[in-house]
Amino acid sequence: MHQPVLCEEILSLFEGCQLQAFVDGTLGAGGHAALILAAHPEIERFYALDRDQTALALAKENLSASLPKITFIHTPYADMSQYVSDCNGILLDIGVSSMQLDQPDRGFSFYKEGPLDMRMDQTARVDAKFVVNTYNEKRLGEIFRDYGEERRWRAAAQQICTARKKEPIETTQQLVKVLTPVIGWSRKHLHPATRIFQALRMEVNQELQQLEQGLAEAVKCLAVGGRLAVITFHSLEDRIVKHFFKQEKSVKILTKKPITAGVGEQRKNPRSRSAKLRCVEKCHVD
């Protein structure tokens, strides 16, 4: 089960706020949503967005006690303005969830055999198999370099293009076998496929583009005095959030430095080690 991060810290950012309308743009299993709904009984409308249909179905079960208040919407958070407006609070928890990683048939994990999929939205056309088997060597290398920050991006792209001439690369373990000889284990014992899988996932789901668009959409949907909190797990994502908050004239920054998990939470939930939480408040309509 996915374990939400920075729960106390998120609640503190919305403490004292009157949240008549709230948006969870990355609902997942509903862990953060349950906490916010419990802490803010004044909520009248809770918009629960996710592009993962499996997550939405699970969240409906987990949030059954609050169903009259919740509107579940199958959509990426980057399209939220089509469904919501004048919200008092918005939460975005960016990146892949442990639920997705733990399901072999979703193809996110290099530890488990499964189809090369990696789609957060199962209705999307492009999957990881399409990227691996059709993108040219130059484009693959750019993805591995820019999204995965993989040092051996050229060698990885070349190896994939050579291997797929013999047979299509269709499963996670096929791809791992292709990559291991040219990347190898790092000094920090990082799995050879770690950065490549990350890069492919980000390309398949257009994660950085979604984030850039989603931040603008979120600010647009906030009422004056409303707050936007964003959790990221990667430096590329955090950089985008930090830059956007600094450049956006209609908000004031409430977190001068990103909030990170305490030692206790990091021990209980290793995933929280890389989490960074930033928050802004909308001051006026730009």
C-alpha atoms as a PDB file:
ATOM      1  CA  MET A   1       0.000   0.000   0.000  1.00  0.00           C
ATOM      2  CA  HIS A   2       1.214   3.486  -0.863  1.00  0.00           C
ATOM      3  CA  GLN A   3       2.319   5.411   2.220  1.00  0.00           C
ATOM      4  CA  PRO A   4       1.781   9.183   1.920  1.00  0.00           C
ATOM      5  CA  VAL A   5       4.697  11.401   2.911  1.00  0.00           C
ATOM      6  CA  LEU A   6       5.002  14.613   4.927  1.00  0.00           C
ATOM      7  CA  CYS A   7       1.482  14.263   6.329  1.00  0.00           C
ATOM      8  CA  GLU A   8       1.952  16.423   9.428  1.00  0.00           C
ATOM      9  CA  GLU A   9       3.792  19.046   7.436  1.00  0.00           C
ATOM     10  CA  ILE A  10       1.005  19.275   4.858  1.00  0.00           C
ATOM     11  CA  LEU A  11      -1.655  19.600   7.533  1.00  0.00           C
ATOM     12  CA  SER A  12       0.321  22.406   9.174  1.00  0.00           C
ATOM     13  CA  LEU A  13       0.462  24.377   5.910  1.00  0.00           C
ATOM     14  CA  PHE A  14      -3.355  24.335   5.674  1.00  0.00           C
ATOM     15  CA  GLU A  15      -3.938  24.767   9.412  1.00  0.00           C
ATOM     16  CA  GLY A  16      -6.289  27.659  10.135  1.00  0.00           C
ATOM     17  CA  CYS A  17      -7.426  27.859   6.507  1.00  0.00           C
ATOM     18  CA  GLN A  18     -11.113  27.657   5.655  1.00  0.00           C
ATOM     19  CA  LEU A  19     -11.150  25.052   2.919  1.00  0.00           C
ATOM     20  CA  GLN A  20     -14.647  25.080   1.476  1.00  0.00           C
ATOM     21  CA  ALA A  21     -13.273  23.765  -1.829  1.00  0.00           C
ATOM     22  CA  PHE A  22     -10.134  21.631  -2.072  1.00  0.00           C
ATOM     23  CA  VAL A  23      -8.335  19.847  -4.917  1.00  0.00           C
ATOM     24  CA  ASP A  24      -6.133  16.784  -4.576  1.00  0.00           C
ATOM     25  CA  GLY A  25      -4.625  16.749  -8.053  1.00  0.00           C
ATOM     26  CA  THR A  26      -2.741  13.482  -7.554  1.00  0.00           C
ATOM     27  CA  LEU A  27      -5.162  11.422  -5.476  1.00  0.00           C
ATOM     28  CA  GLY A  28      -3.406   8.042  -5.496  1.00  0.00           C
ATOM     29  CA  ALA A  29      -4.940   5.754  -2.887  1.00  0.00           C
ATOM     30  CA  GLY A  30      -6.359   8.744  -1.031  1.00  0.00           C
ATOM     31  CA  GLY A  31      -3.945   8.879   1.915  1.00  0.00           C
ATOM     32  CA  HIS A  32      -3.446  12.641   1.909  1.00  0.00           C
ATOM     33  CA  ALA A  33      -7.102  13.198   1.029  1.00  0.00           C
ATOM     34  CA  ALA A  34      -8.312  11.269   4.081  1.00  0.00           C
ATOM     35  CA  LEU A  35      -6.124  13.352   6.388  1.00  0.00           C
ATOM     36  CA  ILE A  36      -7.229  16.674   4.912  1.00  0.00           C
ATOM     37  CA  LEU A  37     -10.913  15.731   4.984  1.00  0.00           C
ATOM     38  CA  ALA A  38     -10.623  14.689   8.639  1.00  0.00           C
ATOM     39  CA  ALA A  39      -8.777  17.882   9.628  1.00  0.00           C
ATOM     40  CA  HIS A  40     -11.161  20.176   7.735  1.00  0.00           C
ATOM     41  CA  PRO A  41     -14.815  19.197   8.274  1.00  0.00           C
ATOM     42  CA  GLU A  42     -15.795  22.551   6.727  1.00  0.00           C
ATOM     43  CA  ILE A  43     -14.893  21.228   3.274  1.00  0.00           C
ATOM     44  CA  GLU A  44     -17.999  21.234   1.081  1.00  0.00           C
ATOM     45  CA  ARG A  45     -16.441  20.231  -2.241  1.00  0.00           C
ATOM     46  CA  PHE A  46     -13.418  17.957  -2.529  1.00  0.00           C
ATOM     47  CA  TYR A  47     -12.159  17.380  -6.067  1.00  0.00           C
ATOM     48  CA  ALA A  48     -10.176  14.141  -6.346  1.00  0.00           C
ATOM     49  CA  LEU A  49      -8.153  13.977  -9.570  1.00  0.00           C
ATOM     50  CA  ASP A  50      -5.932  11.243 -10.915  1.00  0.00           C
ATOM     51  CA  ARG A  51      -5.069   9.925 -14.354  1.00  0.00           C
ATOM     52  CA  ASP A  52      -4.621   6.400 -12.990  1.00  0.00           C
ATOM     53  CA  GLN A  53      -7.961   4.596 -13.111  1.00  0.00           C
ATOM     54  CA  THR A  54      -6.766   1.871 -10.736  1.00  0.00           C
ATOM     55  CA  ALA A  55      -5.854   4.488  -8.135  1.00  0.00           C
ATOM     56  CA  LEU A  56      -9.235   6.189  -8.466  1.00  0.00           C
ATOM     57  CA  ALA A  57     -11.071   2.919  -7.900  1.00  0.00           C
ATOM     58  CA  LEU A  58      -9.003   2.140  -4.798  1.00  0.00           C
ATOM     59  CA  ALA A  59      -9.419   5.668  -3.415  1.00  0.00           C
ATOM     60  CA  LYS A  60     -13.208   5.413  -3.723  1.00  0.00           C
ATOM     61  CA  GLU A  61     -13.084   2.463  -1.352  1.00  0.00           C
ATOM     62  CA  ASN A  62     -10.666   4.118   1.062  1.00  0.00           C
ATOM     63  CA  LEU A  63     -12.624   7.388   1.189  1.00  0.00           C
ATOM     64  CA  SER A  64     -16.096   5.857   1.394  1.00  0.00           C
ATOM     65  CA  ALA A  65     -16.938   7.758   4.600  1.00  0.00           C
ATOM     66  CA  SER A  66     -16.592  11.102   2.810  1.00  0.00           C
ATOM     67  CA  LEU A  67     -18.116  10.209  -0.565  1.00  0.00           C
ATOM     68  CA  PRO A  68     -20.916  12.848  -0.521  1.00  0.00           C
ATOM     69  CA  LYS A  69     -18.291  15.616  -0.536  1.00  0.00           C
ATOM     70  CA  ILE A  70     -15.985  14.106  -3.147  1.00  0.00           C
ATOM     71  CA  THR A  71     -16.051  14.396  -6.902  1.00  0.00           C
ATOM     72  CA  PHE A  72     -13.734  11.828  -8.517  1.00  0.00           C
ATOM     73  CA  ILE A  73     -12.318  12.907 -11.870  1.00  0.00           C
ATOM     74  CA  HIS A  74     -10.214  10.805 -14.233  1.00  0.00           C
ATOM     75  CA  THR A  75      -7.896  13.473 -15.605  1.00  0.00           C
ATOM     76  CA  PRO A  76      -4.301  14.691 -15.276  1.00  0.00           C
ATOM     77  CA  TYR A  77      -3.906  17.545 -12.808  1.00  0.00           C
ATOM     78  CA  ALA A  78      -2.577  19.679 -15.655  1.00  0.00           C
ATOM     79  CA  ASP A  79      -6.166  19.894 -16.947  1.00  0.00           C
ATOM     80  CA  MET A  80      -7.799  20.794 -13.632  1.00  0.00           C
ATOM     81  CA  SER A  81      -9.183  24.179 -14.759  1.00  0.00           C
ATOM     82  CA  GLN A  82     -11.648  22.321 -16.970  1.00  0.00           C
ATOM     83  CA  TYR A  83     -13.325  20.983 -13.832  1.00  0.00           C
ATOM     84  CA  VAL A  84     -12.616  23.290 -10.867  1.00  0.00           C
ATOM     85  CA  SER A  85     -12.279  26.966  -9.961  1.00  0.00           C
ATOM     86  CA  ASP A  86     -12.070  29.236  -6.906  1.00  0.00           C
ATOM     87  CA  CYS A  87     -10.491  26.584  -4.691  1.00  0.00           C
ATOM     88  CA  ASN A  88      -9.138  27.355  -1.232  1.00  0.00           C
ATOM     89  CA  GLY A  89      -6.457  24.676  -1.315  1.00  0.00           C
ATOM     90  CA  ILE A  90      -4.661  22.444  -3.803  1.00  0.00           C
ATOM     91  CA  LEU A  91      -2.221  19.599  -3.189  1.00  0.00           C
ATOM     92  CA  LEU A  92       0.034  18.006  -5.816  1.00  0.00           C
ATOM     93  CA  ASP A  93       2.150  14.945  -4.978  1.00  0.00           C
ATOM     94  CA  ILE A  94       4.359  14.544  -8.054  1.00  0.00           C
ATOM     95  CA  GLY A  95       5.872  11.356  -9.424  1.00  0.00           C
ATOM     96  CA  VAL A  96       5.277   7.618  -9.395  1.00  0.00           C
ATOM     97  CA  SER A  97       3.572   5.921  -6.450  1.00  0.00           C
ATOM     98  CA  SER A  98       4.710   2.780  -4.676  1.00  0.00           C
ATOM     99  CA  MET A  99       1.396   1.191  -5.733  1.00  0.00           C
ATOM    100  CA  GLN A 100       2.389   1.580  -9.364  1.00  0.00           C
ATOM    101  CA  LEU A 101       5.906   0.300  -8.713  1.00  0.00           C
ATOM    102  CA  ASP A 102       4.596  -2.750  -6.876  1.00  0.00           C
ATOM    103  CA  GLN A 103       2.314  -3.907  -9.706  1.00  0.00           C
ATOM    104  CA  PRO A 104       4.435  -5.946 -12.167  1.00  0.00           C
ATOM    105  CA  ASP A 105       1.875  -5.641 -14.951  1.00  0.00           C
ATOM    106  CA  ARG A 106       2.268  -1.845 -14.941  1.00  0.00           C
ATOM    107  CA  GLY A 107       5.924  -2.166 -15.990  1.00  0.00           C
ATOM    108  CA  PHE A 108       7.365   0.567 -13.754  1.00  0.00           C
ATOM    109  CA  SER A 109       9.827  -1.591 -11.800  1.00  0.00           C
ATOM    110  CA  PHE A 110      13.125  -2.993 -13.047  1.00  0.00           C
ATOM    111  CA  TYR A 111      13.051  -5.539 -10.218  1.00  0.00           C
ATOM    112  CA  LYS A 112       9.935  -7.309 -11.492  1.00  0.00           C
ATOM    113  CA  GLU A 113       9.116  -8.938 -14.790  1.00  0.00           C
ATOM    114  CA  GLY A 114       6.304  -7.252 -16.659  1.00  0.00           C
ATOM    115  CA  PRO A 115       5.380  -5.592 -19.943  1.00  0.00           C
ATOM    116  CA  LEU A 116       7.230  -2.382 -20.817  1.00  0.00           C
ATOM    117  CA  ASP A 117       4.285  -0.131 -20.089  1.00  0.00           C
ATOM    118  CA  MET A 118       4.848   2.643 -17.492  1.00  0.00           C
ATOM    119  CA  ARG A 119       1.653   4.519 -18.375  1.00  0.00           C
ATOM    120  CA  MET A 120       0.080   6.285 -15.402  1.00  0.00           C
ATOM    121  CA  ASP A 121      -3.038   6.674 -17.527  1.00  0.00           C
ATOM    122  CA  GLN A 122      -3.817   3.225 -18.886  1.00  0.00           C
ATOM    123  CA  THR A 123      -5.840   4.793 -21.706  1.00  0.00           C
ATOM    124  CA  ALA A 124      -2.844   6.704 -23.092  1.00  0.00           C
ATOM    125  CA  ARG A 125      -1.497   5.675 -26.494  1.00  0.00           C
ATOM    126  CA  VAL A 126       2.258   5.856 -25.886  1.00  0.00           C
ATOM    127  CA  ASP A 127       3.886   3.315 -23.573  1.00  0.00           C
ATOM    128  CA  ALA A 128       7.511   2.506 -22.756  1.00  0.00           C
ATOM    129  CA  LYS A 129       7.620  -0.309 -25.312  1.00  0.00           C
ATOM    130  CA  PHE A 130       6.752   2.184 -28.047  1.00  0.00           C
ATOM    131  CA  VAL A 131       9.486   4.583 -26.900  1.00  0.00           C
ATOM    132  CA  VAL A 132      12.171   1.896 -26.573  1.00  0.00           C
ATOM    133  CA  ASN A 133      11.438   0.280 -29.918  1.00  0.00           C
ATOM    134  CA  THR A 134      10.643   3.263 -32.156  1.00  0.00           C
ATOM    135  CA  TYR A 135      12.569   6.323 -30.962  1.00  0.00           C
ATOM    136  CA  ASN A 136      15.836   6.858 -32.803  1.00  0.00           C
ATOM    137  CA  GLU A 137      19.183   6.625 -31.023  1.00  0.00           C
ATOM    138  CA  LYS A 138      19.648  10.397 -30.769  1.00  0.00           C
ATOM    139  CA  ARG A 139      16.249  10.951 -29.163  1.00  0.00           C
ATOM    140  CA  LEU A 140      16.665   8.054 -26.736  1.00  0.00           C
ATOM    141  CA  GLY A 141      20.035   9.414 -25.663  1.00  0.00           C
ATOM    142  CA  GLU A 142      18.576  12.864 -25.037  1.00  0.00           C
ATOM    143  CA  ILE A 143      15.838  11.392 -22.859  1.00  0.00           C
ATOM    144  CA  PHE A 144      18.323   9.351 -20.812  1.00  0.00           C
ATOM    145  CA  ARG A 145      20.581  12.399 -20.420  1.00  0.00           C
ATOM    146  CA  ASP A 146      17.928  15.012 -19.643  1.00  0.00           C
ATOM    147  CA  TYR A 147      15.353  13.037 -17.647  1.00  0.00           C
ATOM    148  CA  GLY A 148      17.521  10.341 -16.113  1.00  0.00           C
ATOM    149  CA  GLU A 149      20.798  12.253 -15.776  1.00  0.00           C
ATOM    150  CA  GLU A 150      22.482   9.011 -16.809  1.00  0.00           C
ATOM    151  CA  ARG A 151      26.234   9.414 -17.414  1.00  0.00           C
ATOM    152  CA  ARG A 152      26.351   6.622 -19.991  1.00  0.00           C
ATOM    153  CA  TRP A 153      23.367   7.870 -21.944  1.00  0.00           C
ATOM    154  CA  ARG A 154      25.027   7.472 -25.325  1.00  0.00           C
ATOM    155  CA  ALA A 155      26.060   3.871 -24.658  1.00  0.00           C
ATOM    156  CA  ALA A 156      22.607   3.002 -23.315  1.00  0.00           C
ATOM    157  CA  ALA A 157      20.840   4.399 -26.379  1.00  0.00           C
ATOM    158  CA  GLN A 158      23.242   2.655 -28.743  1.00  0.00           C
ATOM    159  CA  GLN A 159      22.885  -0.681 -26.930  1.00  0.00           C
ATOM    160  CA  ILE A 160      19.088  -0.527 -27.074  1.00  0.00           C
ATOM    161  CA  CYS A 161      19.055   0.279 -30.786  1.00  0.00           C
ATOM    162  CA  THR A 162      21.452  -2.613 -31.485  1.00  0.00           C
ATOM    163  CA  ALA A 163      19.461  -5.090 -29.396  1.00  0.00           C
ATOM    164  CA  ARG A 164      16.062  -4.217 -30.851  1.00  0.00           C
ATOM    165  CA  LYS A 165      17.287  -5.043 -34.373  1.00  0.00           C
ATOM    166  CA  LYS A 166      17.445  -8.688 -33.305  1.00  0.00           C
ATOM    167  CA  GLU A 167      14.076  -8.724 -31.554  1.00  0.00           C
ATOM    168  CA  PRO A 168      11.671  -6.172 -30.032  1.00  0.00           C
ATOM    169  CA  ILE A 169      12.317  -5.267 -26.407  1.00  0.00           C
ATOM    170  CA  GLU A 170       8.935  -5.921 -24.812  1.00  0.00           C
ATOM    171  CA  THR A 171       9.467  -6.630 -21.107  1.00  0.00           C
ATOM    172  CA  THR A 172      11.167  -4.964 -18.161  1.00  0.00           C
ATOM    173  CA  GLN A 173      13.680  -7.763 -17.689  1.00  0.00           C
ATOM    174  CA  GLN A 174      14.582  -7.794 -21.373  1.00  0.00           C
ATOM    175  CA  LEU A 175      15.508  -4.143 -21.060  1.00  0.00           C
ATOM    176  CA  VAL A 176      17.468  -4.737 -17.849  1.00  0.00           C
ATOM    177  CA  LYS A 177      19.536  -7.441 -19.594  1.00  0.00           C
ATOM    178  CA  VAL A 178      20.272  -5.079 -22.463  1.00  0.00           C
ATOM    179  CA  LEU A 179      21.363  -2.240 -20.167  1.00  0.00           C
ATOM    180  CA  THR A 180      23.405  -4.062 -17.516  1.00  0.00           C
ATOM    181  CA  PRO A 181      26.536  -4.734 -19.643  1.00  0.00           C
ATOM    182  CA  VAL A 182      26.939  -1.074 -20.646  1.00  0.00           C
ATOM    183  CA  ILE A 183      25.932   0.693 -17.435  1.00  0.00           C
ATOM    184  CA  GLY A 184      26.737  -1.662 -14.566  1.00  0.00           C
ATOM    185  CA  TRP A 185      26.256  -1.047 -10.861  1.00  0.00           C
ATOM    186  CA  SER A 186      27.311   2.346  -9.471  1.00  0.00           C
ATOM    187  CA  ARG A 187      29.578   2.884  -6.486  1.00  0.00           C
ATOM    188  CA  LYS A 188      26.450   3.694  -4.474  1.00  0.00           C
ATOM    189  CA  HIS A 189      25.030   0.287  -5.472  1.00  0.00           C
ATOM    190  CA  LEU A 190      22.456   1.908  -7.749  1.00  0.00           C
ATOM    191  CA  HIS A 191      20.805  -0.617 -10.051  1.00  0.00           C
ATOM    192  CA  PRO A 192      22.027  -0.232 -13.670  1.00  0.00           C
ATOM    193  CA  ALA A 193      18.499   0.401 -14.945  1.00  0.00           C
ATOM    194  CA  THR A 194      17.468   2.973 -12.321  1.00  0.00           C
ATOM    195  CA  ARG A 195      18.021   6.168 -14.276  1.00  0.00           C
ATOM    196  CA  ILE A 196      16.947   4.697 -17.617  1.00  0.00           C
ATOM    197  CA  PHE A 197      13.622   3.499 -16.202  1.00  0.00           C
ATOM    198  CA  GLN A 198      13.093   6.886 -14.580  1.00  0.00           C
ATOM    199  CA  ALA A 199      13.762   8.664 -17.861  1.00  0.00           C
ATOM    200  CA  LEU A 200      11.423   6.394 -19.812  1.00  0.00           C
ATOM    201  CA  ARG A 201       8.660   6.846 -17.256  1.00  0.00           C
ATOM    202  CA  MET A 202       9.002  10.614 -17.408  1.00  0.00           C
ATOM    203  CA  GLU A 203       8.900  10.557 -21.206  1.00  0.00           C
ATOM    204  CA  VAL A 204       5.907   8.219 -21.413  1.00  0.00           C
ATOM    205  CA  ASN A 205       3.893  10.323 -18.983  1.00  0.00           C
ATOM    206  CA  GLN A 206       5.297  13.709 -20.040  1.00  0.00           C
ATOM    207  CA  GLU A 207       5.843  14.392 -16.342  1.00  0.00           C
ATOM    208  CA  LEU A 208       7.881  17.589 -16.526  1.00  0.00           C
ATOM    209  CA  GLN A 209       5.580  19.098 -19.137  1.00  0.00           C
ATOM    210  CA  GLN A 210       2.584  18.120 -17.004  1.00  0.00           C
ATOM    211  CA  LEU A 211       4.194  19.761 -13.984  1.00  0.00           C
ATOM    212  CA  GLU A 212       4.880  23.039 -15.759  1.00  0.00           C
ATOM    213  CA  GLN A 213       1.332  23.201 -17.110  1.00  0.00           C
ATOM    214  CA  GLY A 214      -0.175  21.950 -13.860  1.00  0.00           C
ATOM    215  CA  LEU A 215       1.433  24.649 -11.721  1.00  0.00           C
ATOM    216  CA  ALA A 216      -0.019  27.360 -13.935  1.00  0.00           C
ATOM    217  CA  GLU A 217      -3.406  25.625 -13.900  1.00  0.00           C
ATOM    218  CA  ALA A 218      -3.353  25.315 -10.108  1.00  0.00           C
ATOM    219  CA  VAL A 219      -2.648  29.006  -9.531  1.00  0.00           C
ATOM    220  CA  LYS A 220      -5.405  29.841 -12.014  1.00  0.00           C
ATOM    221  CA  CYS A 221      -7.854  27.681 -10.039  1.00  0.00           C
ATOM    222  CA  LEU A 222      -6.991  29.152  -6.625  1.00  0.00           C
ATOM    223  CA  ALA A 223      -9.176  31.743  -4.984  1.00  0.00           C
ATOM    224  CA  VAL A 224      -7.386  34.725  -3.433  1.00  0.00           C
ATOM    225  CA  GLY A 225      -6.038  33.528  -0.089  1.00  0.00           C
ATOM    226  CA  GLY A 226      -5.935  29.937  -1.295  1.00  0.00           C
ATOM    227  CA  ARG A 227      -2.828  27.807  -0.917  1.00  0.00           C
ATOM    228  CA  LEU A 228      -0.986  25.459  -3.251  1.00  0.00           C
ATOM    229  CA  ALA A 229       1.308  22.782  -1.789  1.00  0.00           C
ATOM    230  CA  VAL A 230       3.547  20.679  -4.023  1.00  0.00           C
ATOM    231  CA  ILE A 231       5.600  17.603  -3.122  1.00  0.00           C
ATOM    232  CA  THR A 232       8.411  16.565  -5.464  1.00  0.00           C
ATOM    233  CA  PHE A 233      10.836  13.637  -5.341  1.00  0.00           C
ATOM    234  CA  HIS A 234      13.402  14.614  -7.945  1.00  0.00           C
ATOM    235  CA  SER A 235      15.708  17.590  -8.416  1.00  0.00           C
ATOM    236  CA  LEU A 236      14.374  18.247 -11.926  1.00  0.00           C
ATOM    237  CA  GLU A 237      10.835  18.561 -10.562  1.00  0.00           C
ATOM    238  CA  ASP A 238      11.813  20.636  -7.542  1.00  0.00           C
ATOM    239  CA  ARG A 239      13.743  23.016  -9.786  1.00  0.00           C
ATOM    240  CA  ILE A 240      10.649  23.633 -11.900  1.00  0.00           C
ATOM    241  CA  VAL A 241       8.473  24.268  -8.829  1.00  0.00           C
ATOM    242  CA  LYS A 242      11.029  26.575  -7.220  1.00  0.00           C
ATOM    243  CA  HIS A 243      11.467  28.612 -10.405  1.00  0.00           C
ATOM    244  CA  PHE A 244       7.722  28.861 -11.058  1.00  0.00           C
ATOM    245  CA  PHE A 245       6.961  30.053  -7.538  1.00  0.00           C
ATOM    246  CA  LYS A 246       9.667  32.720  -7.785  1.00  0.00           C
ATOM    247  CA  GLN A 247       8.417  33.969 -11.145  1.00  0.00           C
ATOM    248  CA  GLU A 248       4.667  33.862 -10.450  1.00  0.00           C
ATOM    249  CA  LYS A 249       3.602  37.377  -9.426  1.00  0.00           C
ATOM    250  CA  SER A 250       0.176  36.461  -8.048  1.00  0.00           C
ATOM    251  CA  VAL A 251       1.507  34.347  -5.151  1.00  0.00           C
ATOM    252  CA  LYS A 252       3.677  34.737  -2.084  1.00  0.00           C
ATOM    253  CA  ILE A 253       6.038  31.968  -1.040  1.00  0.00           C
ATOM    254  CA  LEU A 254       5.312  30.455   2.384  1.00  0.00           C
ATOM    255  CA  THR A 255       8.268  28.047   2.401  1.00  0.00           C
ATOM    256  CA  LYS A 256      11.571  29.874   1.899  1.00  0.00           C
ATOM    257  CA  LYS A 257      13.295  26.487   1.856  1.00  0.00           C
ATOM    258  CA  PRO A 258      11.642  23.192   0.949  1.00  0.00           C
ATOM    259  CA  ILE A 259      10.237  21.203   3.848  1.00  0.00           C
ATOM    260  CA  THR A 260      11.755  17.731   4.137  1.00  0.00           C
ATOM    261  CA  ALA A 261      10.908  14.619   6.142  1.00  0.00           C
ATOM    262  CA  GLY A 262      12.245  14.186   9.640  1.00  0.00           C
ATOM    263  CA  VAL A 263      14.566  11.384  10.648  1.00  0.00           C
ATOM    264  CA  GLY A 264      11.721   9.354  12.123  1.00  0.00           C
ATOM    265  CA  GLU A 265       9.649   9.421   8.948  1.00  0.00           C
ATOM    266  CA  GLN A 266      12.680   8.639   6.806  1.00  0.00           C
ATOM    267  CA  ARG A 267      13.347   5.519   8.869  1.00  0.00           C
ATOM    268  CA  LYS A 268       9.741   4.340   8.590  1.00  0.00           C
ATOM    269  CA  ASN A 269       9.342   5.290   4.941  1.00  0.00           C
ATOM    270  CA  PRO A 270      12.606   5.451   2.925  1.00  0.00           C
ATOM    271  CA  ARG A 271      10.721   6.998  -0.020  1.00  0.00           C
ATOM    272  CA  SER A 272      10.277  10.172   2.049  1.00  0.00           C
ATOM    273  CA  ARG A 273      14.030  10.854   2.025  1.00  0.00           C
ATOM    274  CA  SER A 274      13.887  12.573  -1.338  1.00  0.00           C
ATOM    275  CA  ALA A 275      10.577  14.385  -0.773  1.00  0.00           C
ATOM    276  CA  LYS A 276      10.525  18.191  -0.865  1.00  0.00           C
ATOM    277  CA  LEU A 277       7.452  20.234  -0.010  1.00  0.00           C
ATOM    278  CA  ARG A 278       6.912  23.825  -1.147  1.00  0.00           C
ATOM    279  CA  CYS A 279       3.865  26.046  -0.648  1.00  0.00           C
ATOM    280  CA  VAL A 280       2.521  29.387  -1.871  1.00  0.00           C
ATOM    281  CA  GLU A 281      -0.525  31.514  -1.148  1.00  0.00           C
ATOM    282  CA  LYS A 282      -2.411  33.408  -3.827  1.00  0.00           C
ATOM    283  CA  CYS A 283      -2.368  37.112  -3.017  1.00  0.00           C
ATOM    284  CA  HIS A 284      -4.281  38.589  -5.934  1.00  0.00           C
ATOM    285  CA  VAL A 285      -5.528  37.831  -9.400  1.00  0.00           C
ATOM    286  CA  ASP A 286      -2.651  38.461 -11.808  1.00  0.00           C
END
